[in-house]
PDB file of N, CA and C in Angstrom:
ATOM      1  N   MET A   1      13.321   4.776  17.428  1.00  0.00           N
ATOM      2  CA  MET A   1      14.431   5.687  17.305  1.00  0.00           C
ATOM      3  C   MET A   1      14.257   6.559  16.058  1.00  0.00           C
ATOM      4  N   PRO A   2      14.645   7.807  16.156  1.00  0.00           N
ATOM      5  CA  PRO A   2      14.534   8.717  15.011  1.00  0.00           C
ATOM      6  C   PRO A   2      15.525   8.369  13.895  1.00  0.00           C
ATOM      7  N   LYS A   3      15.159   8.772  12.699  1.00  0.00           N
ATOM      8  CA  LYS A   3      16.005   8.556  11.524  1.00  0.00           C
ATOM      9  C   LYS A   3      16.712   9.863  11.198  1.00  0.00           C
ATOM     10  N   TYR A   4      18.015   9.768  10.942  1.00  0.00           N
ATOM     11  CA  TYR A   4      18.815  10.944  10.625  1.00  0.00           C
ATOM     12  C   TYR A   4      19.584  10.718   9.329  1.00  0.00           C
ATOM     13  N   LYS A   5      19.776  11.807   8.592  1.00  0.00           N
ATOM     14  CA  LYS A   5      20.557  11.757   7.365  1.00  0.00           C
ATOM     15  C   LYS A   5      21.819  12.588   7.584  1.00  0.00           C
ATOM     16  N   TYR A   6      22.959  12.007   7.216  1.00  0.00           N
ATOM     17  CA  TYR A   6      24.246  12.667   7.384  1.00  0.00           C
ATOM     18  C   TYR A   6      24.967  12.769   6.039  1.00  0.00           C
ATOM     19  N   ARG A   7      25.875  13.756   5.952  1.00  0.00           N
ATOM     20  CA  ARG A   7      26.737  13.918   4.784  1.00  0.00           C
ATOM     21  C   ARG A   7      28.143  14.251   5.274  1.00  0.00           C
ATOM     22  N   CYS A   8      29.121  13.621   4.652  1.00  0.00           N
ATOM     23  CA  CYS A   8      30.515  13.891   4.987  1.00  0.00           C
ATOM     24  C   CYS A   8      30.972  15.119   4.203  1.00  0.00           C
ATOM     25  N   THR A   9      31.580  16.071   4.884  1.00  0.00           N
ATOM     26  CA  THR A   9      32.063  17.282   4.216  1.00  0.00           C
ATOM     27  C   THR A   9      33.342  17.024   3.424  1.00  0.00           C
ATOM     28  N   ASP A  10      33.988  15.892   3.671  1.00  0.00           N
ATOM     29  CA  ASP A  10      35.238  15.588   2.971  1.00  0.00           C
ATOM     30  C   ASP A  10      34.980  14.750   1.707  1.00  0.00           C
ATOM     31  N   CYS A  11      34.338  13.588   1.859  1.00  0.00           N
ATOM     32  CA  CYS A  11      34.148  12.689   0.711  1.00  0.00           C
ATOM     33  C   CYS A  11      32.741  12.779   0.109  1.00  0.00           C
ATOM     34  N   GLU A  12      31.853  13.585   0.695  1.00  0.00           N
ATOM     35  CA  GLU A  12      30.482  13.796   0.214  1.00  0.00           C
ATOM     36  C   GLU A  12      29.580  12.565   0.348  1.00  0.00           C
ATOM     37  N   HIS A  13      30.035  11.536   1.053  1.00  0.00           N
ATOM     38  CA  HIS A  13      29.208  10.346   1.273  1.00  0.00           C
ATOM     39  C   HIS A  13      27.977  10.727   2.096  1.00  0.00           C
ATOM     40  N   GLN A  14      26.798  10.279   1.645  1.00  0.00           N
ATOM     41  CA  GLN A  14      25.556  10.520   2.384  1.00  0.00           C
ATOM     42  C   GLN A  14      24.981   9.188   2.819  1.00  0.00           C
ATOM     43  N   PHE A  15      24.383   9.178   4.008  1.00  0.00           N
ATOM     44  CA  PHE A  15      23.747   7.959   4.500  1.00  0.00           C
ATOM     45  C   PHE A  15      22.669   8.307   5.512  1.00  0.00           C
ATOM     46  N   VAL A  16      21.802   7.336   5.722  1.00  0.00           N
ATOM     47  CA  VAL A  16      20.705   7.472   6.678  1.00  0.00           C
ATOM     48  C   VAL A  16      20.942   6.449   7.778  1.00  0.00           C
ATOM     49  N   THR A  17      20.694   6.861   9.003  1.00  0.00           N
ATOM     50  CA  THR A  17      20.880   5.962  10.135  1.00  0.00           C
ATOM     51  C   THR A  17      19.842   6.264  11.215  1.00  0.00           C
ATOM     52  N   PHE A  18      19.655   5.317  12.087  1.00  0.00           N
ATOM     53  CA  PHE A  18      18.745   5.479  13.216  1.00  0.00           C
ATOM     54  C   PHE A  18      19.575   5.499  14.497  1.00  0.00           C
ATOM     55  N   HIS A  19      19.281   6.460  15.367  1.00  0.00           N
ATOM     56  CA  HIS A  19      19.926   6.486  16.669  1.00  0.00           C
ATOM     57  C   HIS A  19      19.108   7.355  17.610  1.00  0.00           C
ATOM     58  N   SER A  20      19.492   7.339  18.889  1.00  0.00           N
ATOM     59  CA  SER A  20      18.746   8.092  19.895  1.00  0.00           C
ATOM     60  C   SER A  20      18.937   9.597  19.702  1.00  0.00           C
ATOM     61  N   LEU A  21      18.070  10.365  20.341  1.00  0.00           N
ATOM     62  CA  LEU A  21      18.153  11.821  20.252  1.00  0.00           C
ATOM     63  C   LEU A  21      19.455  12.365  20.833  1.00  0.00           C
ATOM     64  N   ARG A  22      19.958  11.710  21.842  1.00  0.00           N
ATOM     65  CA  ARG A  22      21.166  12.182  22.532  1.00  0.00           C
ATOM     66  C   ARG A  22      22.443  11.929  21.733  1.00  0.00           C
ATOM     67  N   GLU A  23      22.397  10.929  20.873  1.00  0.00           N
ATOM     68  CA  GLU A  23      23.593  10.555  20.116  1.00  0.00           C
ATOM     69  C   GLU A  23      23.750  11.450  18.882  1.00  0.00           C
ATOM     70  N   LYS A  24      24.989  11.745  18.528  1.00  0.00           N
ATOM     71  CA  LYS A  24      25.275  12.490  17.307  1.00  0.00           C
ATOM     72  C   LYS A  24      26.545  11.913  16.692  1.00  0.00           C
ATOM     73  N   LEU A  25      26.462  11.576  15.412  1.00  0.00           N
ATOM     74  CA  LEU A  25      27.626  11.012  14.730  1.00  0.00           C
ATOM     75  C   LEU A  25      28.539  12.138  14.267  1.00  0.00           C
ATOM     76  N   CYS A  26      29.844  11.886  14.303  1.00  0.00           N
ATOM     77  CA  CYS A  26      30.822  12.909  13.913  1.00  0.00           C
ATOM     78  C   CYS A  26      31.791  12.419  12.851  1.00  0.00           C
ATOM     79  N   ASP A  27      32.166  11.144  12.911  1.00  0.00           N
ATOM     80  CA  ASP A  27      33.217  10.613  12.043  1.00  0.00           C
ATOM     81  C   ASP A  27      32.615   9.838  10.875  1.00  0.00           C
ATOM     82  N   CYS A  28      33.137  10.068   9.680  1.00  0.00           N
ATOM     83  CA  CYS A  28      32.632   9.415   8.472  1.00  0.00           C
ATOM     84  C   CYS A  28      32.967   7.927   8.483  1.00  0.00           C
ATOM     85  N   PRO A  29      31.972   7.064   8.250  1.00  0.00           N
ATOM     86  CA  PRO A  29      32.241   5.627   8.230  1.00  0.00           C
ATOM     87  C   PRO A  29      32.955   5.171   6.954  1.00  0.00           C
ATOM     88  N   VAL A  30      32.989   6.009   5.922  1.00  0.00           N
ATOM     89  CA  VAL A  30      33.627   5.629   4.650  1.00  0.00           C
ATOM     90  C   VAL A  30      35.079   6.074   4.604  1.00  0.00           C
ATOM     91  N   CYS A  31      35.302   7.373   4.769  1.00  0.00           N
ATOM     92  CA  CYS A  31      36.681   7.881   4.647  1.00  0.00           C
ATOM     93  C   CYS A  31      37.393   7.952   5.990  1.00  0.00           C
ATOM     94  N   GLY A  32      36.653   7.892   7.100  1.00  0.00           N
ATOM     95  CA  GLY A  32      37.261   7.884   8.420  1.00  0.00           C
ATOM     96  C   GLY A  32      37.698   9.239   8.949  1.00  0.00           C
ATOM     97  N   ILE A  33      37.405  10.313   8.235  1.00  0.00           N
ATOM     98  CA  ILE A  33      37.796  11.647   8.691  1.00  0.00           C
ATOM     99  C   ILE A  33      37.015  11.995   9.958  1.00  0.00           C
ATOM    100  N   ILE A  34      37.710  12.500  10.953  1.00  0.00           N
ATOM    101  CA  ILE A  34      37.114  12.833  12.245  1.00  0.00           C
ATOM    102  C   ILE A  34      36.384  14.176  12.150  1.00  0.00           C
ATOM    103  N   ASP A  35      35.216  14.266  12.765  1.00  0.00           N
ATOM    104  CA  ASP A  35      34.375  15.469  12.789  1.00  0.00           C
ATOM    105  C   ASP A  35      34.042  15.992  11.390  1.00  0.00           C
ATOM    106  N   SER A  36      33.794  15.099  10.457  1.00  0.00           N
ATOM    107  CA  SER A  36      33.493  15.527   9.090  1.00  0.00           C
ATOM    108  C   SER A  36      32.012  15.413   8.727  1.00  0.00           C
ATOM    109  N   LEU A  37      31.192  14.878   9.633  1.00  0.00           N
ATOM    110  CA  LEU A  37      29.781  14.682   9.310  1.00  0.00           C
ATOM    111  C   LEU A  37      28.929  15.879   9.712  1.00  0.00           C
ATOM    112  N   ILE A  38      27.987  16.207   8.840  1.00  0.00           N
ATOM    113  CA  ILE A  38      26.968  17.189   9.193  1.00  0.00           C
ATOM    114  C   ILE A  38      25.609  16.523   9.038  1.00  0.00           C
ATOM    115  N   ARG A  39      24.729  16.834   9.938  1.00  0.00           N
ATOM    116  CA  ARG A  39      23.385  16.275   9.882  1.00  0.00           C
ATOM    117  C   ARG A  39      22.558  17.104   8.916  1.00  0.00           C
ATOM    118  N   ILE A  40      21.895  16.424   7.988  1.00  0.00           N
ATOM    119  CA  ILE A  40      21.032  17.096   7.019  1.00  0.00           C
ATOM    120  C   ILE A  40      19.633  17.147   7.609  1.00  0.00           C
ATOM    121  N   PRO A  41      19.053  18.327   7.729  1.00  0.00           N
ATOM    122  CA  PRO A  41      17.719  18.444   8.336  1.00  0.00           C
ATOM    123  C   PRO A  41      16.679  17.650   7.556  1.00  0.00           C
ATOM    124  N   GLY A  42      15.772  17.019   8.298  1.00  0.00           N
ATOM    125  CA  GLY A  42      14.678  16.291   7.677  1.00  0.00           C
ATOM    126  C   GLY A  42      13.616  17.251   7.192  1.00  0.00           C
ATOM    127  N   ILE A  43      12.863  16.797   6.199  1.00  0.00           N
ATOM    128  CA  ILE A  43      11.784  17.616   5.648  1.00  0.00           C
ATOM    129  C   ILE A  43      10.463  17.032   6.095  1.00  0.00           C
ATOM    130  N   PHE A  44       9.619  17.868   6.631  1.00  0.00           N
ATOM    131  CA  PHE A  44       8.281  17.429   6.989  1.00  0.00           C
ATOM    132  C   PHE A  44       7.324  18.581   6.738  1.00  0.00           C
ATOM    133  N   ALA A  45       6.063  18.228   6.557  1.00  0.00           N
ATOM    134  CA  ALA A  45       5.049  19.239   6.265  1.00  0.00           C
ATOM    135  C   ALA A  45       4.086  19.352   7.431  1.00  0.00           C
ATOM    136  N   SER A  46       3.867  20.565   7.852  1.00  0.00           N
ATOM    137  CA  SER A  46       2.903  20.818   8.904  1.00  0.00           C
ATOM    138  C   SER A  46       2.377  22.229   8.746  1.00  0.00           C
ATOM    139  N   SER A  47       1.057  22.351   8.717  1.00  0.00           N
ATOM    140  CA  SER A  47       0.490  23.685   8.594  1.00  0.00           C
ATOM    141  C   SER A  47       0.441  24.376   9.946  1.00  0.00           C
ATOM    142  N   GLY A  48       0.427  23.578  11.021  1.00  0.00           N
ATOM    143  CA  GLY A  48       0.401  24.139  12.356  1.00  0.00           C
ATOM    144  C   GLY A  48      -0.906  24.828  12.711  1.00  0.00           C
ATOM    145  N   THR A  49      -1.953  24.574  11.928  1.00  0.00           N
ATOM    146  CA  THR A  49      -3.212  25.264  12.174  1.00  0.00           C
ATOM    147  C   THR A  49      -4.316  24.340  12.646  1.00  0.00           C
ATOM    148  N   GLY A  50      -4.012  23.073  12.906  1.00  0.00           N
ATOM    149  CA  GLY A  50      -5.046  22.159  13.352  1.00  0.00           C
ATOM    150  C   GLY A  50      -5.830  21.602  12.176  1.00  0.00           C
ATOM    151  N   ALA A  51      -7.046  21.138  12.443  1.00  0.00           N
ATOM    152  CA  ALA A  51      -7.872  20.511  11.403  1.00  0.00           C
ATOM    153  C   ALA A  51      -8.442  21.566  10.466  1.00  0.00           C
ATOM    154  N   VAL A  52      -7.996  21.533   9.247  1.00  0.00           N
ATOM    155  CA  VAL A  52      -8.462  22.454   8.224  1.00  0.00           C
ATOM    156  C   VAL A  52      -8.950  21.632   7.050  1.00  0.00           C
ATOM    157  N   GLU A  53     -10.035  22.051   6.434  1.00  0.00           N
ATOM    158  CA  GLU A  53     -10.557  21.336   5.281  1.00  0.00           C
ATOM    159  C   GLU A  53      -9.471  21.205   4.225  1.00  0.00           C
ATOM    160  N   GLY A  54      -9.281  19.991   3.699  1.00  0.00           N
ATOM    161  CA  GLY A  54      -8.295  19.766   2.670  1.00  0.00           C
ATOM    162  C   GLY A  54      -6.973  19.244   3.194  1.00  0.00           C
ATOM    163  N   GLN A  55      -6.815  19.161   4.516  1.00  0.00           N
ATOM    164  CA  GLN A  55      -5.590  18.585   5.054  1.00  0.00           C
ATOM    165  C   GLN A  55      -5.551  17.104   4.727  1.00  0.00           C
ATOM    166  N   ALA A  56      -4.380  16.525   4.814  1.00  0.00           N
ATOM    167  CA  ALA A  56      -4.196  15.123   4.451  1.00  0.00           C
ATOM    168  C   ALA A  56      -5.162  14.210   5.199  1.00  0.00           C
ATOM    169  N   GLY A  57      -5.357  14.419   6.473  1.00  0.00           N
ATOM    170  CA  GLY A  57      -6.245  13.561   7.262  1.00  0.00           C
ATOM    171  C   GLY A  57      -7.667  13.563   6.740  1.00  0.00           C
ATOM    172  N   SER A  58      -8.200  14.731   6.408  1.00  0.00           N
ATOM    173  CA  SER A  58      -9.570  14.794   5.911  1.00  0.00           C
ATOM    174  C   SER A  58      -9.666  14.215   4.502  1.00  0.00           C
ATOM    175  N   VAL A  59      -8.620  14.370   3.710  1.00  0.00           N
ATOM    176  CA  VAL A  59      -8.606  13.799   2.358  1.00  0.00           C
ATOM    177  C   VAL A  59      -8.606  12.278   2.448  1.00  0.00           C
ATOM    178  N   VAL A  60      -7.777  11.738   3.337  1.00  0.00           N
ATOM    179  CA  VAL A  60      -7.710  10.289   3.510  1.00  0.00           C
ATOM    180  C   VAL A  60      -9.054   9.744   3.994  1.00  0.00           C
ATOM    181  N   LYS A  61      -9.659  10.411   4.961  1.00  0.00           N
ATOM    182  CA  LYS A  61     -10.956   9.968   5.464  1.00  0.00           C
ATOM    183  C   LYS A  61     -12.005   9.962   4.361  1.00  0.00           C
ATOM    184  N   GLU A  62     -11.994  10.967   3.520  1.00  0.00           N
ATOM    185  CA  GLU A  62     -12.957  11.042   2.412  1.00  0.00           C
ATOM    186  C   GLU A  62     -12.723   9.904   1.427  1.00  0.00           C
ATOM    187  N   LYS A  63     -11.473   9.623   1.099  1.00  0.00           N
ATOM    188  CA  LYS A  63     -11.152   8.519   0.179  1.00  0.00           C
ATOM    189  C   LYS A  63     -11.569   7.177   0.757  1.00  0.00           C
ATOM    190  N   ILE A  64     -11.335   6.966   2.039  1.00  0.00           N
ATOM    191  CA  ILE A  64     -11.749   5.726   2.686  1.00  0.00           C
ATOM    192  C   ILE A  64     -13.254   5.573   2.597  1.00  0.00           C
ATOM    193  N   LYS A  65     -13.981   6.644   2.844  1.00  0.00           N
ATOM    194  CA  LYS A  65     -15.436   6.616   2.752  1.00  0.00           C
ATOM    195  C   LYS A  65     -15.867   6.243   1.328  1.00  0.00           C
ATOM    196  N   GLN A  66     -15.235   6.846   0.322  1.00  0.00           N
ATOM    197  CA  GLN A  66     -15.565   6.535  -1.069  1.00  0.00           C
ATOM    198  C   GLN A  66     -15.267   5.079  -1.406  1.00  0.00           C
ATOM    199  N   PHE A  67     -14.127   4.563  -0.955  1.00  0.00           N
ATOM    200  CA  PHE A  67     -13.769   3.174  -1.226  1.00  0.00           C
ATOM    201  C   PHE A  67     -14.765   2.214  -0.580  1.00  0.00           C
ATOM    202  N   LYS A  68     -15.190   2.516   0.643  1.00  0.00           N
ATOM    203  CA  LYS A  68     -16.174   1.669   1.321  1.00  0.00           C
ATOM    204  C   LYS A  68     -17.494   1.654   0.564  1.00  0.00           C
ATOM    205  N   GLU A  69     -17.911   2.825   0.097  1.00  0.00           N
ATOM    206  CA  GLU A  69     -19.151   2.905  -0.677  1.00  0.00           C
ATOM    207  C   GLU A  69     -19.034   2.113  -1.975  1.00  0.00           C
ATOM    208  N   ASP A  70     -17.903   2.242  -2.663  1.00  0.00           N
ATOM    209  CA  ASP A  70     -17.676   1.486  -3.899  1.00  0.00           C
ATOM    210  C   ASP A  70     -17.669  -0.018  -3.630  1.00  0.00           C
ATOM    211  N   LEU A  71     -17.023  -0.428  -2.561  1.00  0.00           N
ATOM    212  CA  LEU A  71     -16.962  -1.836  -2.212  1.00  0.00           C
ATOM    213  C   LEU A  71     -18.356  -2.388  -1.925  1.00  0.00           C
ATOM    214  N   GLU A  72     -19.142  -1.642  -1.175  1.00  0.00           N
ATOM    215  CA  GLU A  72     -20.502  -2.076  -0.858  1.00  0.00           C
ATOM    216  C   GLU A  72     -21.334  -2.194  -2.135  1.00  0.00           C
ATOM    217  N   ARG A  73     -21.193  -1.243  -3.030  1.00  0.00           N
ATOM    218  CA  ARG A  73     -21.915  -1.276  -4.305  1.00  0.00           C
ATOM    219  C   ARG A  73     -21.514  -2.503  -5.129  1.00  0.00           C
ATOM    220  N   GLN A  74     -20.216  -2.796  -5.156  1.00  0.00           N
ATOM    221  CA  GLN A  74     -19.739  -3.967  -5.888  1.00  0.00           C
ATOM    222  C   GLN A  74     -20.246  -5.261  -5.272  1.00  0.00           C
ATOM    223  N   LYS A  75     -20.299  -5.334  -3.941  1.00  0.00           N
ATOM    224  CA  LYS A  75     -20.829  -6.514  -3.261  1.00  0.00           C
ATOM    225  C   LYS A  75     -22.287  -6.747  -3.632  1.00  0.00           C
ATOM    226  N   GLN A  76     -23.062  -5.669  -3.648  1.00  0.00           N
ATOM    227  CA  GLN A  76     -24.477  -5.787  -3.999  1.00  0.00           C
ATOM    228  C   GLN A  76     -24.648  -6.244  -5.445  1.00  0.00           C
ATOM    229  N   GLU A  77     -23.841  -5.719  -6.361  1.00  0.00           N
ATOM    230  CA  GLU A  77     -23.913  -6.126  -7.763  1.00  0.00           C
ATOM    231  C   GLU A  77     -23.572  -7.603  -7.909  1.00  0.00           C
ATOM    232  N   ARG A  78     -22.564  -8.079  -7.237  1.00  0.00           N
ATOM    233  CA  ARG A  78     -22.171  -9.489  -7.302  1.00  0.00           C
ATOM    234  C   ARG A  78     -23.246 -10.381  -6.701  1.00  0.00           C
ATOM    235  N   SER A  79     -23.838  -9.907  -5.632  1.00  0.00           N
ATOM    236  CA  SER A  79     -24.904 -10.675  -4.992  1.00  0.00           C
ATOM    237  C   SER A  79     -26.083 -10.848  -5.946  1.00  0.00           C
ATOM    238  N   ARG A  80     -26.432  -9.787  -6.657  1.00  0.00           N
ATOM    239  CA  ARG A  80     -27.521  -9.866  -7.631  1.00  0.00           C
ATOM    240  C   ARG A  80     -27.155 -10.783  -8.791  1.00  0.00           C
ATOM    241  N   GLU A  81     -25.892 -10.759  -9.235  1.00  0.00           N
ATOM    242  CA  GLU A  81     -25.442 -11.616 -10.320  1.00  0.00           C
ATOM    243  C   GLU A  81     -25.525 -13.082  -9.906  1.00  0.00           C
ATOM    244  N   ASN A  82     -25.187 -13.399  -8.673  1.00  0.00           N
ATOM    245  CA  ASN A  82     -25.224 -14.773  -8.185  1.00  0.00           C
ATOM    246  C   ASN A  82     -26.653 -15.304  -8.042  1.00  0.00           C
ATOM    247  N   HIS A  83     -27.608 -14.428  -7.798  1.00  0.00           N
ATOM    248  CA  HIS A  83     -28.996 -14.844  -7.617  1.00  0.00           C
ATOM    249  C   HIS A  83     -29.730 -14.965  -8.939  1.00  0.00           C
ATOM    250  N   GLU A  84     -29.186 -14.464  -9.990  1.00  0.00           N
ATOM    251  CA  GLU A  84     -29.868 -14.525 -11.296  1.00  0.00           C
ATOM    252  C   GLU A  84     -29.597 -15.788 -12.014  1.00  0.00           C
TER     253      GLU A  84
END
């Protein structure tokens, strides 16, 4: 289920909740005012251009590759230390 953030226009109470796409909350659970809630739009980042050098996915893949190389190097160093 999607996560939504709401704010009451009367008491300013803000909260996050999960519910279906079809459902929409209207009444504040704190002050009880009817039709006082507004949904606060979520923030997300998307370039909309597909795979571009420097996007999060390629950065993560590069970091994973570096960590694997570092781990392998450390394993080899430990192996040599144990044999000496």
